[in-house]
N, C-alpha and C. Protein backbone atom coordinates (compact mmCIF):
# COMPACT_ATOMS: atom_id res chain seq x y z
N UNK A 1 0.84 -1.18 0.00
CA UNK A 1 0.00 0.00 0.00
C UNK A 1 0.88 1.25 0.00
N UNK A 2 0.63 2.13 -0.94
CA UNK A 2 1.44 3.33 -1.06
C UNK A 2 0.90 4.42 -0.14
N UNK A 3 1.77 5.04 0.60
CA UNK A 3 1.39 6.09 1.53
C UNK A 3 1.26 7.41 0.76
N UNK A 4 0.11 8.05 0.88
CA UNK A 4 -0.10 9.33 0.22
C UNK A 4 0.26 10.45 1.19
N UNK A 5 0.99 11.42 0.70
CA UNK A 5 1.27 12.58 1.52
C UNK A 5 0.80 13.81 0.75
N UNK A 6 0.57 14.85 1.48
CA UNK A 6 0.11 16.08 0.85
C UNK A 6 1.26 16.72 0.08
N UNK A 7 0.89 17.48 -0.94
CA UNK A 7 1.87 18.10 -1.83
C UNK A 7 2.13 19.55 -1.46
N UNK A 8 3.34 20.01 -1.69
CA UNK A 8 3.62 21.43 -1.58
C UNK A 8 3.02 22.10 -2.82
N UNK A 9 2.89 23.41 -2.79
CA UNK A 9 2.38 24.09 -3.98
C UNK A 9 3.36 23.98 -5.15
N UNK A 10 4.66 23.90 -4.86
CA UNK A 10 5.65 23.72 -5.92
C UNK A 10 5.49 22.38 -6.62
N UNK A 11 5.25 21.32 -5.83
CA UNK A 11 5.02 20.00 -6.40
C UNK A 11 3.74 19.98 -7.23
N UNK A 12 2.69 20.61 -6.71
CA UNK A 12 1.43 20.69 -7.44
C UNK A 12 1.61 21.49 -8.73
N UNK A 13 2.40 22.55 -8.68
CA UNK A 13 2.66 23.37 -9.86
C UNK A 13 3.35 22.55 -10.94
N UNK A 14 4.30 21.71 -10.55
CA UNK A 14 4.99 20.84 -11.52
C UNK A 14 4.03 19.85 -12.16
N UNK A 15 3.10 19.30 -11.38
CA UNK A 15 2.12 18.35 -11.92
C UNK A 15 1.21 19.01 -12.95
N UNK A 16 0.87 20.26 -12.71
CA UNK A 16 -0.04 20.97 -13.60
C UNK A 16 0.69 21.81 -14.66
N UNK A 17 2.01 21.88 -14.52
CA UNK A 17 2.83 22.72 -15.40
C UNK A 17 2.37 24.18 -15.34
N UNK A 18 2.17 24.64 -14.12
CA UNK A 18 1.84 26.04 -13.84
C UNK A 18 2.94 26.61 -12.97
N UNK A 19 2.97 27.91 -12.85
CA UNK A 19 3.99 28.53 -12.01
C UNK A 19 3.58 28.44 -10.54
N UNK A 20 4.54 28.40 -9.64
CA UNK A 20 4.21 28.42 -8.21
C UNK A 20 3.41 29.66 -7.82
N UNK A 21 3.65 30.79 -8.48
CA UNK A 21 2.89 32.01 -8.20
C UNK A 21 1.42 31.81 -8.55
N UNK A 22 1.14 31.17 -9.67
CA UNK A 22 -0.24 30.89 -10.05
C UNK A 22 -0.90 29.98 -9.02
N UNK A 23 -0.16 28.99 -8.54
CA UNK A 23 -0.71 28.07 -7.54
C UNK A 23 -1.03 28.83 -6.25
N UNK A 24 -0.15 29.73 -5.83
CA UNK A 24 -0.42 30.52 -4.62
C UNK A 24 -1.67 31.37 -4.81
N UNK A 25 -1.83 31.95 -5.98
CA UNK A 25 -3.01 32.78 -6.25
C UNK A 25 -4.29 31.94 -6.22
N UNK A 26 -4.24 30.75 -6.82
CA UNK A 26 -5.40 29.85 -6.79
C UNK A 26 -5.74 29.45 -5.37
N UNK A 27 -4.72 29.15 -4.58
CA UNK A 27 -4.92 28.77 -3.18
C UNK A 27 -5.53 29.93 -2.39
N UNK A 28 -4.94 31.11 -2.52
CA UNK A 28 -5.40 32.27 -1.76
C UNK A 28 -6.81 32.71 -2.18
N UNK A 29 -7.18 32.47 -3.44
CA UNK A 29 -8.52 32.82 -3.93
C UNK A 29 -9.56 31.78 -3.55
N UNK A 30 -9.11 30.61 -3.05
CA UNK A 30 -10.04 29.57 -2.66
C UNK A 30 -10.37 28.59 -3.77
N UNK A 31 -9.76 28.74 -4.94
CA UNK A 31 -10.00 27.81 -6.05
C UNK A 31 -9.29 26.48 -5.85
N UNK A 32 -8.25 26.48 -5.05
CA UNK A 32 -7.49 25.28 -4.73
C UNK A 32 -7.55 25.11 -3.22
N UNK A 33 -8.21 24.06 -2.77
CA UNK A 33 -8.41 23.84 -1.34
C UNK A 33 -7.20 23.15 -0.74
N UNK A 34 -6.85 23.56 0.45
CA UNK A 34 -5.72 22.97 1.15
C UNK A 34 -5.62 23.59 2.53
N UNK A 35 -4.42 23.59 3.07
CA UNK A 35 -4.21 24.15 4.41
C UNK A 35 -2.82 24.73 4.52
N UNK A 36 -2.66 25.60 5.47
CA UNK A 36 -1.34 26.14 5.79
C UNK A 36 -0.75 25.30 6.91
N UNK A 37 0.53 25.03 6.82
CA UNK A 37 1.23 24.29 7.86
C UNK A 37 1.27 25.17 9.11
N UNK A 38 0.78 24.66 10.24
CA UNK A 38 0.74 25.49 11.45
C UNK A 38 2.12 26.05 11.82
N UNK A 39 2.14 27.32 12.13
CA UNK A 39 3.38 27.97 12.55
C UNK A 39 4.32 28.34 11.43
N UNK A 40 3.85 28.22 10.17
CA UNK A 40 4.72 28.57 9.04
C UNK A 40 3.89 29.25 7.95
N UNK A 41 4.57 29.63 6.89
CA UNK A 41 3.88 30.25 5.76
C UNK A 41 3.59 29.24 4.65
N UNK A 42 3.97 27.98 4.86
CA UNK A 42 3.84 26.95 3.83
C UNK A 42 2.42 26.46 3.68
N UNK A 43 2.07 26.09 2.44
CA UNK A 43 0.74 25.59 2.12
C UNK A 43 0.86 24.16 1.61
N UNK A 44 -0.18 23.37 1.84
CA UNK A 44 -0.21 21.98 1.35
C UNK A 44 -1.57 21.70 0.73
N UNK A 45 -1.58 20.85 -0.29
CA UNK A 45 -2.81 20.41 -0.94
C UNK A 45 -2.72 18.90 -1.17
N UNK A 46 -3.86 18.26 -1.32
CA UNK A 46 -3.85 16.83 -1.61
C UNK A 46 -3.75 16.60 -3.11
N UNK A 47 -3.28 15.43 -3.47
CA UNK A 47 -3.19 15.08 -4.89
C UNK A 47 -4.60 15.05 -5.49
N UNK A 48 -5.57 14.58 -4.72
CA UNK A 48 -6.96 14.54 -5.20
C UNK A 48 -7.45 15.95 -5.54
N UNK A 49 -7.07 16.94 -4.74
CA UNK A 49 -7.48 18.32 -5.00
C UNK A 49 -6.82 18.85 -6.26
N UNK A 50 -5.57 18.50 -6.47
CA UNK A 50 -4.86 18.91 -7.70
C UNK A 50 -5.53 18.27 -8.91
N UNK A 51 -5.89 16.99 -8.79
CA UNK A 51 -6.57 16.30 -9.89
C UNK A 51 -7.94 16.90 -10.17
N UNK A 52 -8.66 17.31 -9.11
CA UNK A 52 -9.96 17.97 -9.29
C UNK A 52 -9.80 19.27 -10.07
N UNK A 53 -8.81 20.07 -9.69
CA UNK A 53 -8.56 21.33 -10.38
C UNK A 53 -8.21 21.08 -11.85
N UNK A 54 -7.40 20.07 -12.09
CA UNK A 54 -7.01 19.73 -13.46
C UNK A 54 -8.23 19.33 -14.30
N UNK A 55 -9.11 18.50 -13.72
CA UNK A 55 -10.32 18.08 -14.44
C UNK A 55 -11.22 19.27 -14.75
N UNK A 56 -11.44 20.13 -13.75
CA UNK A 56 -12.34 21.27 -13.92
C UNK A 56 -11.86 22.25 -14.98
N UNK A 57 -10.55 22.36 -15.14
CA UNK A 57 -9.99 23.34 -16.08
C UNK A 57 -9.32 22.69 -17.29
N UNK A 58 -9.57 21.39 -17.48
CA UNK A 58 -9.01 20.66 -18.63
C UNK A 58 -7.50 20.84 -18.75
N UNK A 59 -6.81 20.69 -17.63
CA UNK A 59 -5.35 20.79 -17.60
C UNK A 59 -4.80 19.36 -17.51
N UNK A 60 -3.98 18.94 -18.47
CA UNK A 60 -3.40 17.59 -18.36
C UNK A 60 -2.37 17.53 -17.23
N UNK A 61 -2.40 16.44 -16.49
CA UNK A 61 -1.42 16.24 -15.42
C UNK A 61 -0.12 15.74 -16.00
N UNK A 62 0.96 16.27 -15.52
CA UNK A 62 2.30 15.84 -15.92
C UNK A 62 2.87 15.00 -14.79
N UNK A 63 3.18 13.75 -15.06
CA UNK A 63 3.74 12.88 -14.04
C UNK A 63 5.23 12.74 -14.29
N UNK A 64 6.07 13.46 -13.52
CA UNK A 64 7.51 13.43 -13.77
C UNK A 64 8.12 12.05 -13.60
N UNK A 65 7.55 11.20 -12.78
CA UNK A 65 8.09 9.85 -12.59
C UNK A 65 7.89 9.00 -13.84
N UNK A 66 6.83 9.26 -14.59
CA UNK A 66 6.55 8.49 -15.80
C UNK A 66 7.50 8.84 -16.94
N UNK A 67 8.10 10.03 -16.89
CA UNK A 67 8.98 10.46 -17.97
C UNK A 67 10.46 10.24 -17.68
N UNK A 68 10.78 9.71 -16.51
CA UNK A 68 12.18 9.44 -16.18
C UNK A 68 12.72 8.33 -17.08
N UNK A 69 14.01 8.39 -17.37
CA UNK A 69 14.64 7.40 -18.27
C UNK A 69 14.55 6.01 -17.67
N UNK A 70 14.34 5.05 -18.55
CA UNK A 70 14.26 3.65 -18.12
C UNK A 70 15.57 2.96 -18.32
């Protein structure tokens, strides 16, 4: 069983091929649901939330692990 962990906005940005600034704006506007890490300025989102955003806006997901050399 693979353990799922929440993504940083930078990781989410790479999956969607968007800039981290765009991800912060989406998060701050409420279009991307997640949470701030207590006691810090960092934000986290779930992979499911990133996939939801991608589906709603017809953004293809980029999986960097799938493109690594074999």
